Amino acid sequence: MRILIVEDDPLLGDGLQAGLRQAGFSVDWVQDGRAAELALAAEEFSAMVLDLGLPGKPEGMALLHGLRARGATLPTLIVTARDTVADKLAGLDGGADDYLVKPFDLDELAARLRALIRRSHGRPAAHLEHGELSLDPAARRVTLAGEVIELSTRELALLEALLENRGRVLPRARLEGLIYGWNEEPESNAVEVHVHHLRRKLGVTLIRTVRGVGYTIDPLP
């Protein structure tokens, strides 16, 4: 899943980007509100990590207010040094889905993001299950009929995107957007290659090609 980090502190932003990538997310990072607005208008993200004390305009809460005023439901986790109850209430009542005070544990941040994304898809369970196939997003672990299946980072990200959107056909461009960040330019046939590998490892009937449109995993009958 693709995350947008909006954080002006270079050291923290770089650490968040590296840590969340290690946790299995595709991550893009911007350092001010205007850059965040441009990114949100141009790309699709699964969630946003938002600092409040951003330089220039819009500031963090103004950015969030604008997002919600446009009807956007992007799961948003505020990370900030503002730690009073009043600050937390203002953030949550102002449109944030969660609020985390700095300093924080990176594993907790990743877990909170997974929970936000899970809820945004209306999925109560932590694991993605499809027949005998199971994907644990936290452990980055896939099993088929109880057997662990080794997948690359991109294969796992693609499988997760398709399982989260079962029954919906996802175009190649959208899949690329979900599993690759700005500095990770994919080869022209990267999605096709990943689909081929997933079919070889998990079964040829799991992922269906809709010619001229994209790929889908059909719901089980």
N, C-alpha and C. Protein backbone atom coordinates (compact mmCIF):
# COMPACT_ATOMS: atom_id res chain seq x y z
N MET A 1 0.83 -1.19 0.00
CA MET A 1 0.00 0.00 0.00
C MET A 1 0.88 1.25 0.00
N ARG A 2 0.41 2.28 -0.66
CA ARG A 2 1.23 3.48 -0.87
C ARG A 2 0.85 4.57 0.14
N ILE A 3 1.87 5.10 0.83
CA ILE A 3 1.68 6.07 1.89
C ILE A 3 2.32 7.40 1.49
N LEU A 4 1.64 8.51 1.81
CA LEU A 4 2.23 9.84 1.65
C LEU A 4 2.62 10.36 3.03
N ILE A 5 3.90 10.70 3.20
CA ILE A 5 4.39 11.32 4.42
C ILE A 5 4.50 12.82 4.17
N VAL A 6 3.91 13.61 5.05
CA VAL A 6 4.03 15.07 4.99
C VAL A 6 4.73 15.51 6.26
N GLU A 7 6.03 15.76 6.17
CA GLU A 7 6.87 16.01 7.34
C GLU A 7 8.04 16.92 6.93
N ASP A 8 8.20 18.05 7.63
CA ASP A 8 9.24 19.01 7.23
C ASP A 8 10.60 18.73 7.84
N ASP A 9 10.68 17.89 8.86
CA ASP A 9 11.96 17.55 9.48
C ASP A 9 12.70 16.54 8.60
N PRO A 10 13.84 16.93 8.00
CA PRO A 10 14.52 16.02 7.06
C PRO A 10 14.94 14.70 7.70
N LEU A 11 15.45 14.77 8.93
CA LEU A 11 15.92 13.55 9.59
C LEU A 11 14.76 12.60 9.88
N LEU A 12 13.66 13.15 10.41
CA LEU A 12 12.51 12.31 10.73
C LEU A 12 11.84 11.80 9.45
N GLY A 13 11.71 12.68 8.46
CA GLY A 13 11.08 12.26 7.20
C GLY A 13 11.85 11.14 6.54
N ASP A 14 13.17 11.26 6.52
CA ASP A 14 13.99 10.21 5.91
C ASP A 14 13.87 8.91 6.69
N GLY A 15 13.84 9.00 8.02
CA GLY A 15 13.70 7.80 8.84
C GLY A 15 12.35 7.14 8.67
N LEU A 16 11.29 7.95 8.60
CA LEU A 16 9.96 7.39 8.38
C LEU A 16 9.87 6.70 7.02
N GLN A 17 10.43 7.33 6.02
CA GLN A 17 10.39 6.75 4.68
C GLN A 17 11.09 5.40 4.66
N ALA A 18 12.29 5.34 5.23
CA ALA A 18 13.05 4.09 5.23
C ALA A 18 12.35 3.03 6.08
N GLY A 19 11.85 3.42 7.25
CA GLY A 19 11.23 2.44 8.14
C GLY A 19 9.94 1.88 7.59
N LEU A 20 9.11 2.73 7.00
CA LEU A 20 7.83 2.24 6.45
C LEU A 20 8.06 1.39 5.20
N ARG A 21 9.07 1.72 4.43
CA ARG A 21 9.40 0.86 3.29
C ARG A 21 9.83 -0.52 3.78
N GLN A 22 10.61 -0.55 4.85
CA GLN A 22 11.03 -1.84 5.41
C GLN A 22 9.83 -2.62 5.93
N ALA A 23 8.79 -1.90 6.36
CA ALA A 23 7.57 -2.56 6.86
C ALA A 23 6.65 -3.00 5.73
N GLY A 24 7.05 -2.73 4.48
CA GLY A 24 6.28 -3.24 3.35
C GLY A 24 5.45 -2.21 2.61
N PHE A 25 5.52 -0.95 3.02
CA PHE A 25 4.76 0.09 2.34
C PHE A 25 5.56 0.69 1.19
N SER A 26 4.86 1.18 0.19
CA SER A 26 5.46 2.05 -0.81
C SER A 26 5.26 3.48 -0.31
N VAL A 27 6.33 4.28 -0.27
CA VAL A 27 6.29 5.55 0.45
C VAL A 27 6.78 6.71 -0.41
N ASP A 28 6.03 7.82 -0.36
CA ASP A 28 6.47 9.09 -0.92
C ASP A 28 6.49 10.12 0.20
N TRP A 29 7.41 11.08 0.10
CA TRP A 29 7.62 12.03 1.19
C TRP A 29 7.71 13.45 0.63
N VAL A 30 6.91 14.35 1.19
CA VAL A 30 6.99 15.78 0.86
C VAL A 30 7.17 16.55 2.16
N GLN A 31 7.64 17.82 2.04
CA GLN A 31 8.04 18.56 3.23
C GLN A 31 7.21 19.81 3.51
N ASP A 32 6.17 20.05 2.73
CA ASP A 32 5.30 21.20 3.02
C ASP A 32 3.90 20.92 2.49
N GLY A 33 2.97 21.78 2.93
CA GLY A 33 1.57 21.56 2.58
C GLY A 33 1.27 21.71 1.11
N ARG A 34 1.93 22.65 0.44
CA ARG A 34 1.66 22.86 -0.98
C ARG A 34 2.10 21.64 -1.79
N ALA A 35 3.26 21.10 -1.48
CA ALA A 35 3.72 19.89 -2.17
C ALA A 35 2.77 18.73 -1.90
N ALA A 36 2.22 18.68 -0.69
CA ALA A 36 1.26 17.62 -0.36
C ALA A 36 0.00 17.77 -1.19
N GLU A 37 -0.50 18.99 -1.36
CA GLU A 37 -1.68 19.22 -2.17
C GLU A 37 -1.46 18.75 -3.61
N LEU A 38 -0.31 19.06 -4.16
CA LEU A 38 0.00 18.65 -5.53
C LEU A 38 0.08 17.13 -5.63
N ALA A 39 0.71 16.50 -4.64
CA ALA A 39 0.83 15.03 -4.65
C ALA A 39 -0.54 14.37 -4.55
N LEU A 40 -1.40 14.90 -3.68
CA LEU A 40 -2.72 14.31 -3.50
C LEU A 40 -3.61 14.49 -4.73
N ALA A 41 -3.38 15.58 -5.45
CA ALA A 41 -4.16 15.81 -6.67
C ALA A 41 -3.71 14.92 -7.82
N ALA A 42 -2.44 14.51 -7.79
CA ALA A 42 -1.88 13.78 -8.93
C ALA A 42 -1.82 12.27 -8.73
N GLU A 43 -1.77 11.81 -7.48
CA GLU A 43 -1.53 10.39 -7.20
C GLU A 43 -2.60 9.83 -6.28
N GLU A 44 -2.66 8.50 -6.22
CA GLU A 44 -3.57 7.81 -5.31
C GLU A 44 -2.77 7.19 -4.18
N PHE A 45 -3.19 7.44 -2.95
CA PHE A 45 -2.51 6.90 -1.78
C PHE A 45 -3.49 6.11 -0.93
N SER A 46 -2.94 5.17 -0.17
CA SER A 46 -3.77 4.37 0.74
C SER A 46 -3.96 5.07 2.08
N ALA A 47 -3.00 5.94 2.46
CA ALA A 47 -3.10 6.67 3.72
C ALA A 47 -2.07 7.79 3.71
N MET A 48 -2.25 8.74 4.64
CA MET A 48 -1.32 9.87 4.77
C MET A 48 -0.86 9.99 6.21
N VAL A 49 0.44 10.21 6.39
CA VAL A 49 1.03 10.55 7.69
C VAL A 49 1.30 12.04 7.67
N LEU A 50 0.66 12.80 8.56
CA LEU A 50 0.65 14.26 8.47
C LEU A 50 1.20 14.91 9.73
N ASP A 51 2.27 15.69 9.56
CA ASP A 51 2.76 16.56 10.63
C ASP A 51 1.93 17.84 10.63
N LEU A 52 1.76 18.45 11.79
CA LEU A 52 0.95 19.66 11.87
C LEU A 52 1.77 20.94 11.67
N GLY A 53 3.00 20.94 12.17
CA GLY A 53 3.81 22.16 12.11
C GLY A 53 4.57 22.30 10.82
N LEU A 54 3.86 22.47 9.71
CA LEU A 54 4.49 22.57 8.40
C LEU A 54 4.84 24.02 8.08
N PRO A 55 5.93 24.24 7.33
CA PRO A 55 6.28 25.60 6.92
C PRO A 55 5.34 26.10 5.82
N GLY A 56 5.13 27.42 5.78
CA GLY A 56 4.31 27.99 4.71
C GLY A 56 2.85 27.62 4.86
N LYS A 57 2.13 27.76 3.76
CA LYS A 57 0.70 27.45 3.74
C LYS A 57 0.41 26.47 2.61
N PRO A 58 -0.55 25.53 2.81
CA PRO A 58 -1.33 25.36 4.03
C PRO A 58 -0.56 24.63 5.13
N GLU A 59 -0.83 25.01 6.34
CA GLU A 59 -0.31 24.31 7.51
C GLU A 59 -1.06 22.98 7.64
N GLY A 60 -0.60 22.12 8.56
CA GLY A 60 -1.13 20.76 8.61
C GLY A 60 -2.64 20.66 8.74
N MET A 61 -3.23 21.35 9.71
CA MET A 61 -4.67 21.25 9.89
C MET A 61 -5.43 21.88 8.73
N ALA A 62 -4.89 22.95 8.16
CA ALA A 62 -5.54 23.58 7.00
C ALA A 62 -5.53 22.62 5.81
N LEU A 63 -4.43 21.90 5.65
CA LEU A 63 -4.36 20.90 4.59
C LEU A 63 -5.43 19.83 4.79
N LEU A 64 -5.57 19.36 6.02
CA LEU A 64 -6.56 18.32 6.32
C LEU A 64 -7.99 18.85 6.14
N HIS A 65 -8.24 20.08 6.60
CA HIS A 65 -9.57 20.67 6.42
C HIS A 65 -9.94 20.77 4.95
N GLY A 66 -8.97 21.19 4.13
CA GLY A 66 -9.23 21.28 2.69
C GLY A 66 -9.52 19.94 2.08
N LEU A 67 -8.81 18.91 2.53
CA LEU A 67 -9.00 17.56 2.02
C LEU A 67 -10.41 17.07 2.35
N ARG A 68 -10.83 17.27 3.59
CA ARG A 68 -12.15 16.80 3.99
C ARG A 68 -13.26 17.64 3.35
N ALA A 69 -13.01 18.93 3.14
CA ALA A 69 -14.02 19.79 2.50
C ALA A 69 -14.30 19.34 1.08
N ARG A 70 -13.30 18.73 0.44
CA ARG A 70 -13.49 18.21 -0.93
C ARG A 70 -14.12 16.83 -0.94
N GLY A 71 -14.42 16.30 0.23
CA GLY A 71 -15.05 15.00 0.31
C GLY A 71 -14.09 13.83 0.30
N ALA A 72 -12.78 14.10 0.38
CA ALA A 72 -11.79 13.02 0.34
C ALA A 72 -11.79 12.26 1.66
N THR A 73 -11.78 10.95 1.58
CA THR A 73 -11.83 10.09 2.77
C THR A 73 -10.49 9.43 3.06
N LEU A 74 -9.41 9.93 2.47
CA LEU A 74 -8.09 9.33 2.66
C LEU A 74 -7.78 9.15 4.15
N PRO A 75 -7.50 7.92 4.60
CA PRO A 75 -7.13 7.73 6.01
C PRO A 75 -5.91 8.58 6.36
N THR A 76 -6.02 9.37 7.42
CA THR A 76 -4.96 10.31 7.78
C THR A 76 -4.58 10.14 9.24
N LEU A 77 -3.28 9.93 9.46
CA LEU A 77 -2.72 9.79 10.79
C LEU A 77 -1.85 11.00 11.08
N ILE A 78 -2.23 11.80 12.06
CA ILE A 78 -1.43 12.95 12.47
C ILE A 78 -0.28 12.47 13.36
N VAL A 79 0.94 12.94 13.06
CA VAL A 79 2.09 12.72 13.94
C VAL A 79 2.65 14.10 14.29
N THR A 80 2.71 14.41 15.56
CA THR A 80 3.06 15.77 15.97
C THR A 80 3.60 15.78 17.38
N ALA A 81 4.31 16.87 17.72
CA ALA A 81 4.78 17.07 19.09
C ALA A 81 3.71 17.72 19.96
N ARG A 82 2.60 18.15 19.36
CA ARG A 82 1.52 18.78 20.13
C ARG A 82 0.78 17.70 20.91
N ASP A 83 0.96 17.72 22.24
CA ASP A 83 0.53 16.56 23.04
C ASP A 83 -0.57 16.85 24.04
N THR A 84 -1.19 18.03 24.00
CA THR A 84 -2.26 18.30 24.96
C THR A 84 -3.55 17.62 24.50
N VAL A 85 -4.45 17.44 25.45
CA VAL A 85 -5.75 16.86 25.11
C VAL A 85 -6.49 17.74 24.11
N ALA A 86 -6.38 19.05 24.29
CA ALA A 86 -7.04 19.98 23.37
C ALA A 86 -6.51 19.82 21.94
N ASP A 87 -5.19 19.63 21.81
CA ASP A 87 -4.60 19.42 20.48
C ASP A 87 -5.13 18.14 19.85
N LYS A 88 -5.19 17.08 20.65
CA LYS A 88 -5.67 15.79 20.13
C LYS A 88 -7.14 15.89 19.70
N LEU A 89 -7.94 16.55 20.52
CA LEU A 89 -9.36 16.70 20.17
C LEU A 89 -9.51 17.52 18.89
N ALA A 90 -8.71 18.59 18.77
CA ALA A 90 -8.80 19.42 17.57
C ALA A 90 -8.40 18.63 16.33
N GLY A 91 -7.39 17.79 16.46
CA GLY A 91 -6.95 17.00 15.32
C GLY A 91 -7.97 15.96 14.91
N LEU A 92 -8.48 15.22 15.87
CA LEU A 92 -9.45 14.17 15.57
C LEU A 92 -10.78 14.74 15.11
N ASP A 93 -11.24 15.81 15.79
CA ASP A 93 -12.50 16.43 15.37
C ASP A 93 -12.33 17.21 14.07
N GLY A 94 -11.09 17.54 13.73
CA GLY A 94 -10.83 18.26 12.49
C GLY A 94 -10.68 17.39 11.27
N GLY A 95 -10.83 16.06 11.44
CA GLY A 95 -10.82 15.18 10.28
C GLY A 95 -9.79 14.09 10.28
N ALA A 96 -8.88 14.08 11.27
CA ALA A 96 -7.89 13.01 11.33
C ALA A 96 -8.54 11.71 11.78
N ASP A 97 -7.99 10.60 11.32
CA ASP A 97 -8.49 9.28 11.71
C ASP A 97 -7.75 8.73 12.92
N ASP A 98 -6.55 9.25 13.17
CA ASP A 98 -5.76 8.80 14.31
C ASP A 98 -4.76 9.90 14.63
N TYR A 99 -4.17 9.83 15.83
CA TYR A 99 -3.30 10.90 16.32
C TYR A 99 -2.19 10.25 17.13
N LEU A 100 -0.94 10.55 16.79
CA LEU A 100 0.21 9.95 17.44
C LEU A 100 1.20 11.05 17.81
N VAL A 101 1.62 11.06 19.07
CA VAL A 101 2.51 12.11 19.57
C VAL A 101 3.97 11.69 19.43
N LYS A 102 4.79 12.61 18.94
CA LYS A 102 6.23 12.38 18.85
C LYS A 102 6.85 12.50 20.24
N PRO A 103 7.89 11.71 20.53
CA PRO A 103 8.45 10.62 19.72
C PRO A 103 7.56 9.38 19.82
N PHE A 104 7.62 8.54 18.80
CA PHE A 104 6.78 7.34 18.77
C PHE A 104 7.59 6.17 18.25
N ASP A 105 7.05 4.99 18.46
CA ASP A 105 7.69 3.77 17.98
C ASP A 105 7.27 3.51 16.54
N LEU A 106 8.23 3.23 15.68
CA LEU A 106 7.92 3.05 14.27
C LEU A 106 7.02 1.83 14.03
N ASP A 107 7.19 0.79 14.81
CA ASP A 107 6.33 -0.38 14.66
C ASP A 107 4.88 -0.03 15.00
N GLU A 108 4.70 0.83 16.00
CA GLU A 108 3.34 1.26 16.35
C GLU A 108 2.74 2.08 15.21
N LEU A 109 3.54 2.96 14.62
CA LEU A 109 3.05 3.75 13.49
C LEU A 109 2.61 2.85 12.35
N ALA A 110 3.42 1.85 12.02
CA ALA A 110 3.08 0.93 10.94
C ALA A 110 1.80 0.16 11.27
N ALA A 111 1.66 -0.26 12.51
CA ALA A 111 0.45 -1.00 12.92
C ALA A 111 -0.79 -0.12 12.82
N ARG A 112 -0.66 1.14 13.24
CA ARG A 112 -1.80 2.05 13.16
C ARG A 112 -2.18 2.30 11.70
N LEU A 113 -1.20 2.43 10.82
CA LEU A 113 -1.49 2.62 9.40
C LEU A 113 -2.20 1.40 8.82
N ARG A 114 -1.73 0.21 9.16
CA ARG A 114 -2.41 -0.99 8.67
C ARG A 114 -3.86 -1.04 9.15
N ALA A 115 -4.09 -0.63 10.41
CA ALA A 115 -5.45 -0.63 10.94
C ALA A 115 -6.33 0.38 10.21
N LEU A 116 -5.78 1.57 9.93
CA LEU A 116 -6.55 2.59 9.21
C LEU A 116 -6.91 2.11 7.81
N ILE A 117 -5.95 1.53 7.13
CA ILE A 117 -6.20 1.04 5.77
C ILE A 117 -7.21 -0.10 5.79
N ARG A 118 -7.07 -0.98 6.77
CA ARG A 118 -8.01 -2.10 6.89
C ARG A 118 -9.44 -1.59 7.09
N ARG A 119 -9.60 -0.62 7.97
CA ARG A 119 -10.94 -0.09 8.22
C ARG A 119 -11.48 0.66 7.00
N SER A 120 -10.60 1.32 6.27
CA SER A 120 -11.06 2.06 5.09
C SER A 120 -11.62 1.12 4.02
N HIS A 121 -11.20 -0.15 4.06
CA HIS A 121 -11.72 -1.15 3.13
C HIS A 121 -12.87 -1.95 3.75
N GLY A 122 -13.28 -1.59 4.96
CA GLY A 122 -14.37 -2.31 5.61
C GLY A 122 -14.00 -3.72 6.00
N ARG A 123 -12.72 -3.95 6.28
CA ARG A 123 -12.25 -5.29 6.60
C ARG A 123 -11.90 -5.38 8.08
N PRO A 124 -12.64 -6.17 8.88
CA PRO A 124 -12.36 -6.24 10.32
C PRO A 124 -11.15 -7.11 10.66
N ALA A 125 -10.88 -8.14 9.87
CA ALA A 125 -9.81 -9.09 10.19
C ALA A 125 -8.45 -8.52 9.83
N ALA A 126 -7.44 -8.89 10.60
CA ALA A 126 -6.08 -8.41 10.33
C ALA A 126 -5.49 -9.08 9.09
N HIS A 127 -5.87 -10.34 8.84
CA HIS A 127 -5.34 -11.08 7.70
C HIS A 127 -6.29 -10.95 6.51
N LEU A 128 -5.72 -11.05 5.32
CA LEU A 128 -6.50 -11.14 4.09
C LEU A 128 -6.61 -12.61 3.73
N GLU A 129 -7.84 -13.11 3.70
CA GLU A 129 -8.07 -14.53 3.43
C GLU A 129 -8.83 -14.69 2.12
N HIS A 130 -8.43 -15.70 1.35
CA HIS A 130 -9.12 -16.01 0.10
C HIS A 130 -9.00 -17.51 -0.12
N GLY A 131 -10.03 -18.25 0.32
CA GLY A 131 -9.93 -19.71 0.26
C GLY A 131 -8.78 -20.19 1.14
N GLU A 132 -7.88 -20.95 0.56
CA GLU A 132 -6.73 -21.47 1.31
C GLU A 132 -5.55 -20.51 1.30
N LEU A 133 -5.74 -19.36 0.69
CA LEU A 133 -4.69 -18.35 0.62
C LEU A 133 -4.85 -17.36 1.77
N SER A 134 -3.75 -17.05 2.46
CA SER A 134 -3.78 -16.11 3.57
C SER A 134 -2.58 -15.17 3.47
N LEU A 135 -2.85 -13.87 3.65
CA LEU A 135 -1.79 -12.86 3.64
C LEU A 135 -1.83 -12.10 4.95
N ASP A 136 -0.72 -12.09 5.66
CA ASP A 136 -0.58 -11.35 6.91
C ASP A 136 0.20 -10.07 6.62
N PRO A 137 -0.47 -8.91 6.52
CA PRO A 137 0.24 -7.68 6.16
C PRO A 137 1.31 -7.28 7.17
N ALA A 138 1.10 -7.56 8.44
CA ALA A 138 2.07 -7.17 9.46
C ALA A 138 3.36 -7.98 9.34
N ALA A 139 3.22 -9.28 9.18
CA ALA A 139 4.39 -10.15 9.08
C ALA A 139 4.94 -10.24 7.67
N ARG A 140 4.21 -9.67 6.69
CA ARG A 140 4.60 -9.78 5.27
C ARG A 140 4.76 -11.25 4.91
N ARG A 141 3.75 -12.04 5.25
CA ARG A 141 3.82 -13.49 5.11
C ARG A 141 2.59 -14.00 4.38
N VAL A 142 2.83 -14.88 3.39
CA VAL A 142 1.76 -15.47 2.60
C VAL A 142 1.81 -16.98 2.75
N THR A 143 0.65 -17.58 3.00
CA THR A 143 0.58 -19.04 3.04
C THR A 143 -0.52 -19.52 2.10
N LEU A 144 -0.31 -20.69 1.56
CA LEU A 144 -1.30 -21.34 0.70
C LEU A 144 -1.46 -22.76 1.20
N ALA A 145 -2.66 -23.08 1.66
CA ALA A 145 -2.95 -24.38 2.26
C ALA A 145 -1.97 -24.68 3.39
N GLY A 146 -1.63 -23.64 4.17
CA GLY A 146 -0.75 -23.80 5.31
C GLY A 146 0.73 -23.75 4.98
N GLU A 147 1.09 -23.73 3.71
CA GLU A 147 2.50 -23.70 3.31
C GLU A 147 2.92 -22.26 3.03
N VAL A 148 4.06 -21.86 3.60
CA VAL A 148 4.58 -20.51 3.38
C VAL A 148 5.07 -20.38 1.94
N ILE A 149 4.62 -19.32 1.27
CA ILE A 149 5.01 -19.05 -0.11
C ILE A 149 5.91 -17.82 -0.13
N GLU A 150 7.08 -17.95 -0.68
CA GLU A 150 8.03 -16.84 -0.73
C GLU A 150 7.67 -15.92 -1.90
N LEU A 151 7.41 -14.65 -1.59
CA LEU A 151 7.11 -13.66 -2.61
C LEU A 151 8.09 -12.50 -2.49
N SER A 152 8.37 -11.86 -3.61
CA SER A 152 9.18 -10.65 -3.57
C SER A 152 8.35 -9.51 -2.98
N THR A 153 9.01 -8.41 -2.65
CA THR A 153 8.31 -7.26 -2.09
C THR A 153 7.22 -6.76 -3.03
N ARG A 154 7.53 -6.67 -4.32
CA ARG A 154 6.55 -6.18 -5.29
C ARG A 154 5.42 -7.18 -5.50
N GLU A 155 5.74 -8.46 -5.55
CA GLU A 155 4.70 -9.48 -5.70
C GLU A 155 3.73 -9.43 -4.54
N LEU A 156 4.27 -9.28 -3.32
CA LEU A 156 3.41 -9.23 -2.15
C LEU A 156 2.54 -7.98 -2.18
N ALA A 157 3.12 -6.84 -2.57
CA ALA A 157 2.35 -5.60 -2.63
C ALA A 157 1.23 -5.69 -3.66
N LEU A 158 1.52 -6.30 -4.79
CA LEU A 158 0.51 -6.46 -5.83
C LEU A 158 -0.60 -7.39 -5.35
N LEU A 159 -0.24 -8.49 -4.73
CA LEU A 159 -1.24 -9.42 -4.21
C LEU A 159 -2.11 -8.73 -3.16
N GLU A 160 -1.50 -7.95 -2.28
CA GLU A 160 -2.26 -7.25 -1.25
C GLU A 160 -3.26 -6.28 -1.88
N ALA A 161 -2.82 -5.54 -2.89
CA ALA A 161 -3.72 -4.59 -3.56
C ALA A 161 -4.91 -5.30 -4.21
N LEU A 162 -4.64 -6.43 -4.85
CA LEU A 162 -5.72 -7.17 -5.51
C LEU A 162 -6.67 -7.80 -4.49
N LEU A 163 -6.14 -8.31 -3.40
CA LEU A 163 -6.99 -8.91 -2.38
C LEU A 163 -7.84 -7.85 -1.66
N GLU A 164 -7.26 -6.67 -1.43
CA GLU A 164 -8.01 -5.59 -0.80
C GLU A 164 -9.16 -5.11 -1.69
N ASN A 165 -9.04 -5.35 -2.99
CA ASN A 165 -10.04 -4.85 -3.95
C ASN A 165 -10.71 -5.99 -4.70
N ARG A 166 -10.92 -7.11 -4.03
CA ARG A 166 -11.53 -8.26 -4.69
C ARG A 166 -12.84 -7.89 -5.36
N GLY A 167 -13.00 -8.38 -6.59
CA GLY A 167 -14.21 -8.10 -7.34
C GLY A 167 -14.15 -6.83 -8.15
N ARG A 168 -13.09 -6.03 -7.98
CA ARG A 168 -12.92 -4.80 -8.74
C ARG A 168 -11.73 -4.97 -9.68
N VAL A 169 -11.90 -4.54 -10.91
CA VAL A 169 -10.82 -4.64 -11.89
C VAL A 169 -9.92 -3.42 -11.73
N LEU A 170 -8.64 -3.66 -11.46
CA LEU A 170 -7.68 -2.58 -11.27
C LEU A 170 -6.82 -2.43 -12.52
N PRO A 171 -6.84 -1.28 -13.16
CA PRO A 171 -5.99 -1.05 -14.34
C PRO A 171 -4.51 -1.14 -13.97
N ARG A 172 -3.70 -1.43 -14.97
CA ARG A 172 -2.26 -1.55 -14.73
C ARG A 172 -1.70 -0.26 -14.14
N ALA A 173 -2.14 0.90 -14.66
CA ALA A 173 -1.60 2.18 -14.17
C ALA A 173 -1.92 2.36 -12.68
N ARG A 174 -3.12 1.95 -12.26
CA ARG A 174 -3.46 2.09 -10.84
C ARG A 174 -2.63 1.15 -9.99
N LEU A 175 -2.42 -0.06 -10.47
CA LEU A 175 -1.59 -1.01 -9.72
C LEU A 175 -0.16 -0.49 -9.59
N GLU A 176 0.36 0.07 -10.66
CA GLU A 176 1.70 0.67 -10.59
C GLU A 176 1.73 1.78 -9.55
N GLY A 177 0.67 2.61 -9.53
CA GLY A 177 0.60 3.70 -8.57
C GLY A 177 0.54 3.24 -7.13
N LEU A 178 -0.06 2.07 -6.91
CA LEU A 178 -0.20 1.55 -5.56
C LEU A 178 1.07 0.89 -5.03
N ILE A 179 1.91 0.37 -5.93
CA ILE A 179 3.07 -0.40 -5.45
C ILE A 179 4.41 0.25 -5.76
N TYR A 180 4.42 1.34 -6.52
CA TYR A 180 5.67 2.05 -6.81
C TYR A 180 5.56 3.50 -6.38
N GLY A 181 6.62 4.03 -5.76
CA GLY A 181 6.69 5.43 -5.42
C GLY A 181 7.30 6.25 -6.55
N TRP A 182 7.48 7.56 -6.28
CA TRP A 182 7.99 8.46 -7.31
C TRP A 182 9.38 8.08 -7.81
N ASN A 183 10.22 7.62 -6.92
CA ASN A 183 11.61 7.32 -7.29
C ASN A 183 11.81 5.85 -7.65
N GLU A 184 10.72 5.17 -7.97
CA GLU A 184 10.78 3.74 -8.29
C GLU A 184 10.09 3.50 -9.63
N GLU A 185 10.69 3.99 -10.68
CA GLU A 185 10.08 3.89 -12.01
C GLU A 185 10.05 2.44 -12.46
N PRO A 186 8.84 1.88 -12.69
CA PRO A 186 8.77 0.48 -13.10
C PRO A 186 9.04 0.30 -14.59
N GLU A 187 9.46 -0.90 -14.95
CA GLU A 187 9.57 -1.25 -16.36
C GLU A 187 8.16 -1.27 -16.97
N SER A 188 8.07 -1.12 -18.27
CA SER A 188 6.77 -1.00 -18.93
C SER A 188 5.89 -2.24 -18.70
N ASN A 189 6.50 -3.40 -18.53
CA ASN A 189 5.72 -4.63 -18.35
C ASN A 189 5.86 -5.20 -16.93
N ALA A 190 6.20 -4.33 -15.96
CA ALA A 190 6.47 -4.81 -14.60
C ALA A 190 5.27 -5.51 -13.99
N VAL A 191 4.07 -4.92 -14.13
CA VAL A 191 2.88 -5.52 -13.53
C VAL A 191 2.61 -6.89 -14.14
N GLU A 192 2.74 -6.99 -15.46
CA GLU A 192 2.52 -8.27 -16.12
C GLU A 192 3.49 -9.34 -15.62
N VAL A 193 4.74 -8.94 -15.41
CA VAL A 193 5.74 -9.89 -14.90
C VAL A 193 5.38 -10.35 -13.49
N HIS A 194 4.98 -9.42 -12.64
CA HIS A 194 4.60 -9.78 -11.27
C HIS A 194 3.38 -10.69 -11.26
N VAL A 195 2.40 -10.41 -12.11
CA VAL A 195 1.21 -11.26 -12.21
C VAL A 195 1.61 -12.66 -12.64
N HIS A 196 2.49 -12.75 -13.62
CA HIS A 196 2.96 -14.06 -14.09
C HIS A 196 3.60 -14.85 -12.94
N HIS A 197 4.43 -14.19 -12.14
CA HIS A 197 5.08 -14.88 -11.02
C HIS A 197 4.07 -15.31 -9.97
N LEU A 198 3.10 -14.45 -9.69
CA LEU A 198 2.08 -14.82 -8.70
C LEU A 198 1.26 -16.01 -9.16
N ARG A 199 0.92 -16.05 -10.43
CA ARG A 199 0.17 -17.20 -10.95
C ARG A 199 0.99 -18.48 -10.85
N ARG A 200 2.28 -18.37 -11.11
CA ARG A 200 3.14 -19.55 -11.04
C ARG A 200 3.24 -20.07 -9.61
N LYS A 201 3.26 -19.16 -8.64
CA LYS A 201 3.43 -19.55 -7.24
C LYS A 201 2.11 -19.90 -6.54
N LEU A 202 1.02 -19.25 -6.96
CA LEU A 202 -0.24 -19.37 -6.23
C LEU A 202 -1.37 -20.00 -7.02
N GLY A 203 -1.14 -20.28 -8.30
CA GLY A 203 -2.18 -20.90 -9.12
C GLY A 203 -2.60 -19.99 -10.26
N VAL A 204 -2.80 -20.58 -11.42
CA VAL A 204 -3.06 -19.79 -12.62
C VAL A 204 -4.44 -19.15 -12.62
N THR A 205 -5.35 -19.65 -11.79
CA THR A 205 -6.72 -19.12 -11.82
C THR A 205 -6.97 -18.02 -10.79
N LEU A 206 -5.97 -17.72 -9.94
CA LEU A 206 -6.19 -16.75 -8.87
C LEU A 206 -6.47 -15.35 -9.43
N ILE A 207 -5.64 -14.89 -10.33
CA ILE A 207 -5.75 -13.53 -10.88
C ILE A 207 -6.31 -13.62 -12.29
N ARG A 208 -7.40 -12.90 -12.52
CA ARG A 208 -8.02 -12.91 -13.85
C ARG A 208 -7.67 -11.63 -14.61
N THR A 209 -7.28 -11.83 -15.86
CA THR A 209 -7.01 -10.69 -16.74
C THR A 209 -8.29 -10.26 -17.43
N VAL A 210 -8.60 -8.98 -17.34
CA VAL A 210 -9.71 -8.40 -18.11
C VAL A 210 -9.07 -7.61 -19.24
N ARG A 211 -9.10 -8.18 -20.42
CA ARG A 211 -8.33 -7.63 -21.54
C ARG A 211 -8.72 -6.18 -21.81
N GLY A 212 -7.68 -5.37 -21.96
CA GLY A 212 -7.89 -3.96 -22.24
C GLY A 212 -8.26 -3.13 -21.02
N VAL A 213 -8.41 -3.79 -19.86
CA VAL A 213 -8.82 -3.06 -18.65
C VAL A 213 -7.79 -3.23 -17.54
N GLY A 214 -7.57 -4.47 -17.09
CA GLY A 214 -6.63 -4.68 -16.00
C GLY A 214 -6.74 -6.06 -15.40
N TYR A 215 -6.59 -6.14 -14.07
CA TYR A 215 -6.55 -7.45 -13.38
C TYR A 215 -7.49 -7.41 -12.18
N THR A 216 -7.96 -8.61 -11.81
CA THR A 216 -8.83 -8.72 -10.65
C THR A 216 -8.71 -10.10 -10.02
N ILE A 217 -9.04 -10.18 -8.74
CA ILE A 217 -9.28 -11.45 -8.07
C ILE A 217 -10.77 -11.52 -7.79
N ASP A 218 -11.41 -12.49 -8.37
CA ASP A 218 -12.88 -12.60 -8.23
C ASP A 218 -13.23 -13.09 -6.83
N PRO A 219 -14.33 -12.58 -6.25
CA PRO A 219 -14.78 -13.10 -4.96
C PRO A 219 -15.11 -14.58 -5.07
N LEU A 220 -14.93 -15.30 -3.98
CA LEU A 220 -15.26 -16.72 -3.96
C LEU A 220 -16.78 -16.88 -3.98
N PRO A 221 -17.28 -17.92 -4.64
CA PRO A 221 -18.73 -18.13 -4.66
C PRO A 221 -19.27 -18.50 -3.28
